[in-house]
Amino acid sequence: MLIAAFPAGPWGTNCYVAATGPGTECVVIDPGKDATPGVIDVVREHRLKPVAVLVTHGHVDHMWCVAPVAGTYDATAWIHPKDRHLLADPMQGMSAETTAMLLGGDHTFAEPDDVRELADAQTLELAGLSFVVDHTPGHTEGSVTFRTPYVEQHGQHGQQQRADISEVMFSGDLLFAGSIGRTDLPGGDHPAMLRSLRDKVLPLGDDIVVLPGHGEQTSIGRERATNPFLQDL
């Protein structure tokens, strides 16, 4: 499995590109502001073809480049229906400070040509990968995470599951290393966030690697042991 990651834009949002290996189809996750050049570089370096853009939630720092990336590669965009309106009008999900920062520039947003809606517990089969969707409201009403089995390539012997990593979870702004997503923006709901963490995160295996929307990667086990928000649950 190939996962390339880079922080993009003024918010340092992690954009991920996932594929079964070089020279294959791929999935782009959360292309935020200024992410398009990074996606182009990764795609060119590994000879990939994006077929889908997955959006963990509709905040502008995660979806700014969804339409450009999807349009460039004729890829399908996937987002939860409760956040879909933010693709065309992300100002609805912003703080007053962010809105003020962006006003004055010529920023127009529109849905990509092909948008499909995510559902809780749905399994997506994309680019040879399988993603389980968990609806995890709290940061936004339509926040989701994506989990996929982690397998390593072993030359002519094919794929092999790693004993120490069962899955990779793209957590968006639900769970970070040592913290959780904020709930004070439009659509945020702190009790819903705690329910999502209790019902969707705590039951997961400790060996799952967490690839968050911001900051360094972590694991469910590490967060269960050290994250004060999970410990309180």
C-alpha atoms as a PDB file:
ATOM      1  CA  MET A   1       0.000   0.000   0.000  1.00  0.00           C
ATOM      2  CA  LEU A   2       1.204   3.470  -0.911  1.00  0.00           C
ATOM      3  CA  ILE A   3       0.162   6.468   1.210  1.00  0.00           C
ATOM      4  CA  ALA A   4       1.682   9.863   0.425  1.00  0.00           C
ATOM      5  CA  ALA A   5       0.928  12.812   2.690  1.00  0.00           C
ATOM      6  CA  PHE A   6       1.762  16.494   2.783  1.00  0.00           C
ATOM      7  CA  PRO A   7       0.505  19.531   4.744  1.00  0.00           C
ATOM      8  CA  ALA A   8      -1.066  22.162   2.514  1.00  0.00           C
ATOM      9  CA  GLY A   9      -2.058  25.795   2.822  1.00  0.00           C
ATOM     10  CA  PRO A  10      -2.117  28.287   5.691  1.00  0.00           C
ATOM     11  CA  TRP A  11      -3.914  25.817   7.994  1.00  0.00           C
ATOM     12  CA  GLY A  12      -1.381  23.031   7.412  1.00  0.00           C
ATOM     13  CA  THR A  13      -4.111  20.589   6.476  1.00  0.00           C
ATOM     14  CA  ASN A  14      -2.863  17.090   5.765  1.00  0.00           C
ATOM     15  CA  CYS A  15      -3.747  15.918   2.263  1.00  0.00           C
ATOM     16  CA  TYR A  16      -3.362  12.196   1.608  1.00  0.00           C
ATOM     17  CA  VAL A  17      -3.014  10.174  -1.576  1.00  0.00           C
ATOM     18  CA  ALA A  18      -3.660   6.432  -1.191  1.00  0.00           C
ATOM     19  CA  ALA A  19      -3.115   3.639  -3.708  1.00  0.00           C
ATOM     20  CA  THR A  20      -2.294  -0.063  -3.806  1.00  0.00           C
ATOM     21  CA  GLY A  21       1.104   0.854  -5.244  1.00  0.00           C
ATOM     22  CA  PRO A  22       2.875   2.868  -7.960  1.00  0.00           C
ATOM     23  CA  GLY A  23       1.373   2.939 -11.439  1.00  0.00           C
ATOM     24  CA  THR A  24      -2.224   2.398 -10.277  1.00  0.00           C
ATOM     25  CA  GLU A  25      -5.429   4.273  -9.592  1.00  0.00           C
ATOM     26  CA  CYS A  26      -5.521   6.303  -6.376  1.00  0.00           C
ATOM     27  CA  VAL A  27      -7.769   8.167  -3.977  1.00  0.00           C
ATOM     28  CA  VAL A  28      -7.133  11.745  -2.796  1.00  0.00           C
ATOM     29  CA  ILE A  29      -8.312  12.600   0.729  1.00  0.00           C
ATOM     30  CA  ASP A  30      -8.961  16.190   1.883  1.00  0.00           C
ATOM     31  CA  PRO A  31      -7.276  18.394  -0.740  1.00  0.00           C
ATOM     32  CA  GLY A  32      -7.421  21.728   1.081  1.00  0.00           C
ATOM     33  CA  LYS A  33      -6.104  25.154   0.159  1.00  0.00           C
ATOM     34  CA  ASP A  34      -2.991  25.069  -2.057  1.00  0.00           C
ATOM     35  CA  ALA A  35      -3.131  21.244  -2.215  1.00  0.00           C
ATOM     36  CA  THR A  36      -3.428  20.908  -5.997  1.00  0.00           C
ATOM     37  CA  PRO A  37       0.327  21.282  -6.785  1.00  0.00           C
ATOM     38  CA  GLY A  38       1.162  18.682  -4.137  1.00  0.00           C
ATOM     39  CA  VAL A  39      -1.383  16.245  -5.553  1.00  0.00           C
ATOM     40  CA  ILE A  40       0.020  16.774  -9.053  1.00  0.00           C
ATOM     41  CA  ASP A  41       3.561  16.100  -7.800  1.00  0.00           C
ATOM     42  CA  VAL A  42       2.593  12.882  -5.992  1.00  0.00           C
ATOM     43  CA  VAL A  43       0.522  11.634  -8.927  1.00  0.00           C
ATOM     44  CA  ARG A  44       3.355  12.317 -11.362  1.00  0.00           C
ATOM     45  CA  GLU A  45       6.065  10.814  -9.147  1.00  0.00           C
ATOM     46  CA  HIS A  46       4.195   7.550  -8.572  1.00  0.00           C
ATOM     47  CA  ARG A  47       2.401   7.396 -11.961  1.00  0.00           C
ATOM     48  CA  LEU A  48      -1.043   7.415 -10.369  1.00  0.00           C
ATOM     49  CA  LYS A  49      -4.541   8.152 -11.641  1.00  0.00           C
ATOM     50  CA  PRO A  50      -6.961   9.748  -9.134  1.00  0.00           C
ATOM     51  CA  VAL A  51     -10.427   8.224  -9.443  1.00  0.00           C
ATOM     52  CA  ALA A  52     -11.998   9.627  -6.268  1.00  0.00           C
ATOM     53  CA  VAL A  53     -11.686  12.537  -3.841  1.00  0.00           C
ATOM     54  CA  LEU A  54     -12.815  11.708  -0.302  1.00  0.00           C
ATOM     55  CA  VAL A  55     -13.798  14.580   1.991  1.00  0.00           C
ATOM     56  CA  THR A  56     -13.799  13.994   5.755  1.00  0.00           C
ATOM     57  CA  HIS A  57     -15.857  17.160   6.288  1.00  0.00           C
ATOM     58  CA  GLY A  58     -16.849  20.338   4.536  1.00  0.00           C
ATOM     59  CA  HIS A  59     -14.595  22.935   6.180  1.00  0.00           C
ATOM     60  CA  VAL A  60     -12.778  25.066   3.663  1.00  0.00           C
ATOM     61  CA  ASP A  61      -9.316  24.032   4.831  1.00  0.00           C
ATOM     62  CA  HIS A  62     -10.162  20.447   3.817  1.00  0.00           C
ATOM     63  CA  MET A  63     -12.199  20.983   0.633  1.00  0.00           C
ATOM     64  CA  TRP A  64     -10.757  24.123  -1.019  1.00  0.00           C
ATOM     65  CA  CYS A  65      -9.226  22.137  -3.900  1.00  0.00           C
ATOM     66  CA  VAL A  66     -11.812  19.348  -4.171  1.00  0.00           C
ATOM     67  CA  ALA A  67     -13.356  20.767  -7.350  1.00  0.00           C
ATOM     68  CA  PRO A  68     -10.015  21.532  -9.082  1.00  0.00           C
ATOM     69  CA  VAL A  69      -8.574  18.095  -8.259  1.00  0.00           C
ATOM     70  CA  ALA A  70     -11.757  16.238  -9.179  1.00  0.00           C
ATOM     71  CA  GLY A  71     -12.075  18.247 -12.392  1.00  0.00           C
ATOM     72  CA  THR A  72      -8.448  17.804 -13.439  1.00  0.00           C
ATOM     73  CA  TYR A  73      -8.598  14.017 -13.169  1.00  0.00           C
ATOM     74  CA  ASP A  74     -12.322  13.451 -13.874  1.00  0.00           C
ATOM     75  CA  ALA A  75     -12.645  11.961 -10.387  1.00  0.00           C
ATOM     76  CA  THR A  76     -15.733  11.476  -8.236  1.00  0.00           C
ATOM     77  CA  ALA A  77     -16.061  13.518  -5.031  1.00  0.00           C
ATOM     78  CA  TRP A  78     -17.517  11.821  -1.943  1.00  0.00           C
ATOM     79  CA  ILE A  79     -18.932  13.780   1.024  1.00  0.00           C
ATOM     80  CA  HIS A  80     -21.569  13.227   3.695  1.00  0.00           C
ATOM     81  CA  PRO A  81     -24.940  14.793   2.763  1.00  0.00           C
ATOM     82  CA  LYS A  82     -25.012  16.954   5.915  1.00  0.00           C
ATOM     83  CA  ASP A  83     -21.842  18.736   4.773  1.00  0.00           C
ATOM     84  CA  ARG A  84     -22.514  18.725   1.036  1.00  0.00           C
ATOM     85  CA  HIS A  85     -23.844  22.302   1.041  1.00  0.00           C
ATOM     86  CA  LEU A  86     -20.387  23.489   2.141  1.00  0.00           C
ATOM     87  CA  LEU A  87     -18.827  22.422  -1.170  1.00  0.00           C
ATOM     88  CA  ALA A  88     -20.579  25.316  -2.902  1.00  0.00           C
ATOM     89  CA  ASP A  89     -20.844  27.670   0.092  1.00  0.00           C
ATOM     90  CA  PRO A  90     -18.018  26.963   2.557  1.00  0.00           C
ATOM     91  CA  MET A  91     -18.550  30.340   4.251  1.00  0.00           C
ATOM     92  CA  GLN A  92     -21.445  28.718   6.136  1.00  0.00           C
ATOM     93  CA  GLY A  93     -18.959  26.603   8.065  1.00  0.00           C
ATOM     94  CA  MET A  94     -16.358  29.236   8.851  1.00  0.00           C
ATOM     95  CA  SER A  95     -15.565  31.361  11.835  1.00  0.00           C
ATOM     96  CA  ALA A  96     -15.964  35.129  11.515  1.00  0.00           C
ATOM     97  CA  GLU A  97     -12.163  35.486  11.564  1.00  0.00           C
ATOM     98  CA  THR A  98     -11.660  33.081   8.674  1.00  0.00           C
ATOM     99  CA  THR A  99     -14.458  34.686   6.669  1.00  0.00           C
ATOM    100  CA  ALA A 100     -12.918  38.132   7.198  1.00  0.00           C
ATOM    101  CA  MET A 101      -9.513  36.835   6.126  1.00  0.00           C
ATOM    102  CA  LEU A 102     -10.889  35.444   2.881  1.00  0.00           C
ATOM    103  CA  LEU A 103     -13.126  38.371   1.965  1.00  0.00           C
ATOM    104  CA  GLY A 104     -11.515  40.780  -0.433  1.00  0.00           C
ATOM    105  CA  GLY A 105     -10.127  37.986  -2.579  1.00  0.00           C
ATOM    106  CA  ASP A 106     -11.952  36.538  -5.542  1.00  0.00           C
ATOM    107  CA  HIS A 107     -12.931  33.132  -4.211  1.00  0.00           C
ATOM    108  CA  THR A 108     -15.705  31.223  -5.927  1.00  0.00           C
ATOM    109  CA  PHE A 109     -16.652  27.683  -5.006  1.00  0.00           C
ATOM    110  CA  ALA A 110     -18.795  25.170  -6.844  1.00  0.00           C
ATOM    111  CA  GLU A 111     -19.576  21.500  -6.561  1.00  0.00           C
ATOM    112  CA  PRO A 112     -17.503  19.154  -8.722  1.00  0.00           C
ATOM    113  CA  ASP A 113     -19.335  17.646 -11.684  1.00  0.00           C
ATOM    114  CA  ASP A 114     -19.706  14.254 -10.000  1.00  0.00           C
ATOM    115  CA  VAL A 115     -20.596  14.268  -6.280  1.00  0.00           C
ATOM    116  CA  ARG A 116     -21.793  11.223  -4.377  1.00  0.00           C
ATOM    117  CA  GLU A 117     -23.005  11.060  -0.814  1.00  0.00           C
ATOM    118  CA  LEU A 118     -21.533   8.979   1.989  1.00  0.00           C
ATOM    119  CA  ALA A 119     -23.505   6.958   4.524  1.00  0.00           C
ATOM    120  CA  ASP A 120     -22.589   5.588   7.947  1.00  0.00           C
ATOM    121  CA  ALA A 121     -21.125   2.048   7.845  1.00  0.00           C
ATOM    122  CA  GLN A 122     -20.865   2.204   4.055  1.00  0.00           C
ATOM    123  CA  THR A 123     -17.994   0.371   2.367  1.00  0.00           C
ATOM    124  CA  LEU A 124     -16.410   2.079  -0.635  1.00  0.00           C
ATOM    125  CA  GLU A 125     -14.424   0.014  -3.133  1.00  0.00           C
ATOM    126  CA  LEU A 126     -12.169   2.527  -4.862  1.00  0.00           C
ATOM    127  CA  ALA A 127      -8.832   2.203  -6.679  1.00  0.00           C
ATOM    128  CA  GLY A 128      -8.403  -1.364  -5.435  1.00  0.00           C
ATOM    129  CA  LEU A 129      -8.832  -0.224  -1.824  1.00  0.00           C
ATOM    130  CA  SER A 130     -11.719  -0.774   0.572  1.00  0.00           C
ATOM    131  CA  PHE A 131     -12.814   2.080   2.850  1.00  0.00           C
ATOM    132  CA  VAL A 132     -15.297   1.778   5.714  1.00  0.00           C
ATOM    133  CA  VAL A 133     -17.112   5.059   6.340  1.00  0.00           C
ATOM    134  CA  ASP A 134     -18.008   6.058   9.904  1.00  0.00           C
ATOM    135  CA  HIS A 135     -20.278   9.077  10.368  1.00  0.00           C
ATOM    136  CA  THR A 136     -18.702  10.996  13.270  1.00  0.00           C
ATOM    137  CA  PRO A 137     -20.583  14.278  13.819  1.00  0.00           C
ATOM    138  CA  GLY A 138     -19.325  16.840  16.303  1.00  0.00           C
ATOM    139  CA  HIS A 139     -16.723  18.908  14.486  1.00  0.00           C
ATOM    140  CA  THR A 140     -19.322  19.331  11.737  1.00  0.00           C
ATOM    141  CA  GLU A 141     -22.684  17.643  11.218  1.00  0.00           C
ATOM    142  CA  GLY A 142     -21.343  15.655   8.289  1.00  0.00           C
ATOM    143  CA  SER A 143     -17.896  14.670   9.573  1.00  0.00           C
ATOM    144  CA  VAL A 144     -16.768  11.157   8.662  1.00  0.00           C
ATOM    145  CA  THR A 145     -13.700   8.977   9.018  1.00  0.00           C
ATOM    146  CA  PHE A 146     -12.378   6.451   6.520  1.00  0.00           C
ATOM    147  CA  ARG A 147     -10.753   3.148   7.557  1.00  0.00           C
ATOM    148  CA  THR A 148      -8.912   0.835   5.198  1.00  0.00           C
ATOM    149  CA  PRO A 149      -6.979  -2.410   5.823  1.00  0.00           C
ATOM    150  CA  TYR A 150      -3.230  -1.893   5.769  1.00  0.00           C
ATOM    151  CA  VAL A 151      -1.340  -4.350   3.605  1.00  0.00           C
ATOM    152  CA  GLU A 152       2.266  -4.338   2.474  1.00  0.00           C
ATOM    153  CA  GLN A 153       3.529  -5.252  -0.956  1.00  0.00           C
ATOM    154  CA  HIS A 154       5.960  -8.169  -0.964  1.00  0.00           C
ATOM    155  CA  GLY A 155       7.299  -8.396  -4.507  1.00  0.00           C
ATOM    156  CA  GLN A 156       6.268 -11.529  -6.353  1.00  0.00           C
ATOM    157  CA  HIS A 157       4.763 -12.960  -3.188  1.00  0.00           C
ATOM    158  CA  GLY A 158       1.893 -10.481  -3.364  1.00  0.00           C
ATOM    159  CA  GLN A 159       0.269  -8.684  -0.460  1.00  0.00           C
ATOM    160  CA  GLN A 160       0.652  -9.443   3.207  1.00  0.00           C
ATOM    161  CA  GLN A 161      -1.184  -8.048   6.203  1.00  0.00           C
ATOM    162  CA  ARG A 162       1.132  -6.402   8.707  1.00  0.00           C
ATOM    163  CA  ALA A 163       0.784  -8.004  12.111  1.00  0.00           C
ATOM    164  CA  ASP A 164       1.348  -4.725  13.953  1.00  0.00           C
ATOM    165  CA  ILE A 165      -1.057  -2.565  11.893  1.00  0.00           C
ATOM    166  CA  SER A 166      -4.526  -3.843  11.000  1.00  0.00           C
ATOM    167  CA  GLU A 167      -6.004  -0.668   9.531  1.00  0.00           C
ATOM    168  CA  VAL A 168      -5.305   2.944   8.739  1.00  0.00           C
ATOM    169  CA  MET A 169      -7.914   5.529   9.724  1.00  0.00           C
ATOM    170  CA  PHE A 170      -8.124   8.917   8.059  1.00  0.00           C
ATOM    171  CA  SER A 171      -9.673  10.793  10.968  1.00  0.00           C
ATOM    172  CA  GLY A 172     -10.149  14.280   9.539  1.00  0.00           C
ATOM    173  CA  ASP A 173     -10.689  16.689  12.430  1.00  0.00           C
ATOM    174  CA  LEU A 174     -12.298  14.143  14.740  1.00  0.00           C
ATOM    175  CA  LEU A 175      -9.130  12.898  16.446  1.00  0.00           C
ATOM    176  CA  PHE A 176      -5.587  14.296  16.600  1.00  0.00           C
ATOM    177  CA  ALA A 177      -2.432  13.242  18.398  1.00  0.00           C
ATOM    178  CA  GLY A 178      -3.235  14.325  21.952  1.00  0.00           C
ATOM    179  CA  SER A 179      -6.394  16.240  21.121  1.00  0.00           C
ATOM    180  CA  ILE A 180      -9.756  16.285  19.333  1.00  0.00           C
ATOM    181  CA  GLY A 181     -11.454  18.616  16.870  1.00  0.00           C
ATOM    182  CA  ARG A 182     -12.965  21.916  17.948  1.00  0.00           C
ATOM    183  CA  THR A 183     -16.729  22.190  18.235  1.00  0.00           C
ATOM    184  CA  ASP A 184     -17.212  25.969  18.413  1.00  0.00           C
ATOM    185  CA  LEU A 185     -17.642  26.582  14.670  1.00  0.00           C
ATOM    186  CA  PRO A 186     -21.010  26.586  12.818  1.00  0.00           C
ATOM    187  CA  GLY A 187     -22.362  23.032  12.845  1.00  0.00           C
ATOM    188  CA  GLY A 188     -20.170  22.041  15.791  1.00  0.00           C
ATOM    189  CA  ASP A 189     -21.698  20.047  18.636  1.00  0.00           C
ATOM    190  CA  HIS A 190     -19.580  19.039  21.634  1.00  0.00           C
ATOM    191  CA  PRO A 191     -21.935  16.362  23.034  1.00  0.00           C
ATOM    192  CA  ALA A 192     -22.131  14.843  19.529  1.00  0.00           C
ATOM    193  CA  MET A 193     -18.327  14.898  19.336  1.00  0.00           C
ATOM    194  CA  LEU A 194     -18.055  12.981  22.610  1.00  0.00           C
ATOM    195  CA  ARG A 195     -20.624  10.433  21.380  1.00  0.00           C
ATOM    196  CA  SER A 196     -18.656   9.965  18.142  1.00  0.00           C
ATOM    197  CA  LEU A 197     -15.443   9.393  20.080  1.00  0.00           C
ATOM    198  CA  ARG A 198     -17.154   6.981  22.487  1.00  0.00           C
ATOM    199  CA  ASP A 199     -19.084   5.007  19.866  1.00  0.00           C
ATOM    200  CA  LYS A 200     -16.777   5.122  16.831  1.00  0.00           C
ATOM    201  CA  VAL A 201     -13.226   5.474  18.216  1.00  0.00           C
ATOM    202  CA  LEU A 202     -13.030   3.731  21.585  1.00  0.00           C
ATOM    203  CA  PRO A 203     -14.227   0.334  20.244  1.00  0.00           C
ATOM    204  CA  LEU A 204     -11.426   0.263  17.641  1.00  0.00           C
ATOM    205  CA  GLY A 205      -8.273  -1.829  17.947  1.00  0.00           C
ATOM    206  CA  ASP A 206      -5.168  -0.278  19.485  1.00  0.00           C
ATOM    207  CA  ASP A 207      -3.058  -1.183  16.434  1.00  0.00           C
ATOM    208  CA  ILE A 208      -4.981   1.091  14.042  1.00  0.00           C
ATOM    209  CA  VAL A 209      -2.831   3.949  12.757  1.00  0.00           C
ATOM    210  CA  VAL A 210      -4.578   7.333  12.812  1.00  0.00           C
ATOM    211  CA  LEU A 211      -3.774   9.777  10.014  1.00  0.00           C
ATOM    212  CA  PRO A 212      -5.377  13.055  11.160  1.00  0.00           C
ATOM    213  CA  GLY A 213      -6.356  16.227   9.344  1.00  0.00           C
ATOM    214  CA  HIS A 214      -3.618  18.200  11.077  1.00  0.00           C
ATOM    215  CA  GLY A 215      -0.389  17.281  12.813  1.00  0.00           C
ATOM    216  CA  GLU A 216       1.465  14.016  13.229  1.00  0.00           C
ATOM    217  CA  GLN A 217       0.155  10.493  12.862  1.00  0.00           C
ATOM    218  CA  THR A 218      -0.732   8.494  15.946  1.00  0.00           C
ATOM    219  CA  SER A 219      -2.555   5.274  16.855  1.00  0.00           C
ATOM    220  CA  ILE A 220      -5.758   4.317  18.622  1.00  0.00           C
ATOM    221  CA  GLY A 221      -3.731   2.660  21.381  1.00  0.00           C
ATOM    222  CA  ARG A 222      -1.587   5.727  21.968  1.00  0.00           C
ATOM    223  CA  GLU A 223      -4.604   8.010  22.089  1.00  0.00           C
ATOM    224  CA  ARG A 224      -6.547   5.649  24.353  1.00  0.00           C
ATOM    225  CA  ALA A 225      -3.625   5.744  26.806  1.00  0.00           C
ATOM    226  CA  THR A 226      -2.633   9.407  26.617  1.00  0.00           C
ATOM    227  CA  ASN A 227      -5.373  11.562  25.070  1.00  0.00           C
ATOM    228  CA  PRO A 228      -7.176  13.347  27.937  1.00  0.00           C
ATOM    229  CA  PHE A 229     -10.421  13.610  25.957  1.00  0.00           C
ATOM    230  CA  LEU A 230     -10.554   9.839  25.439  1.00  0.00           C
ATOM    231  CA  GLN A 231      -9.485   9.136  29.002  1.00  0.00           C
ATOM    232  CA  ASP A 232     -12.417  11.202  30.248  1.00  0.00           C
ATOM    233  CA  LEU A 233     -14.734   8.915  28.272  1.00  0.00           C
END
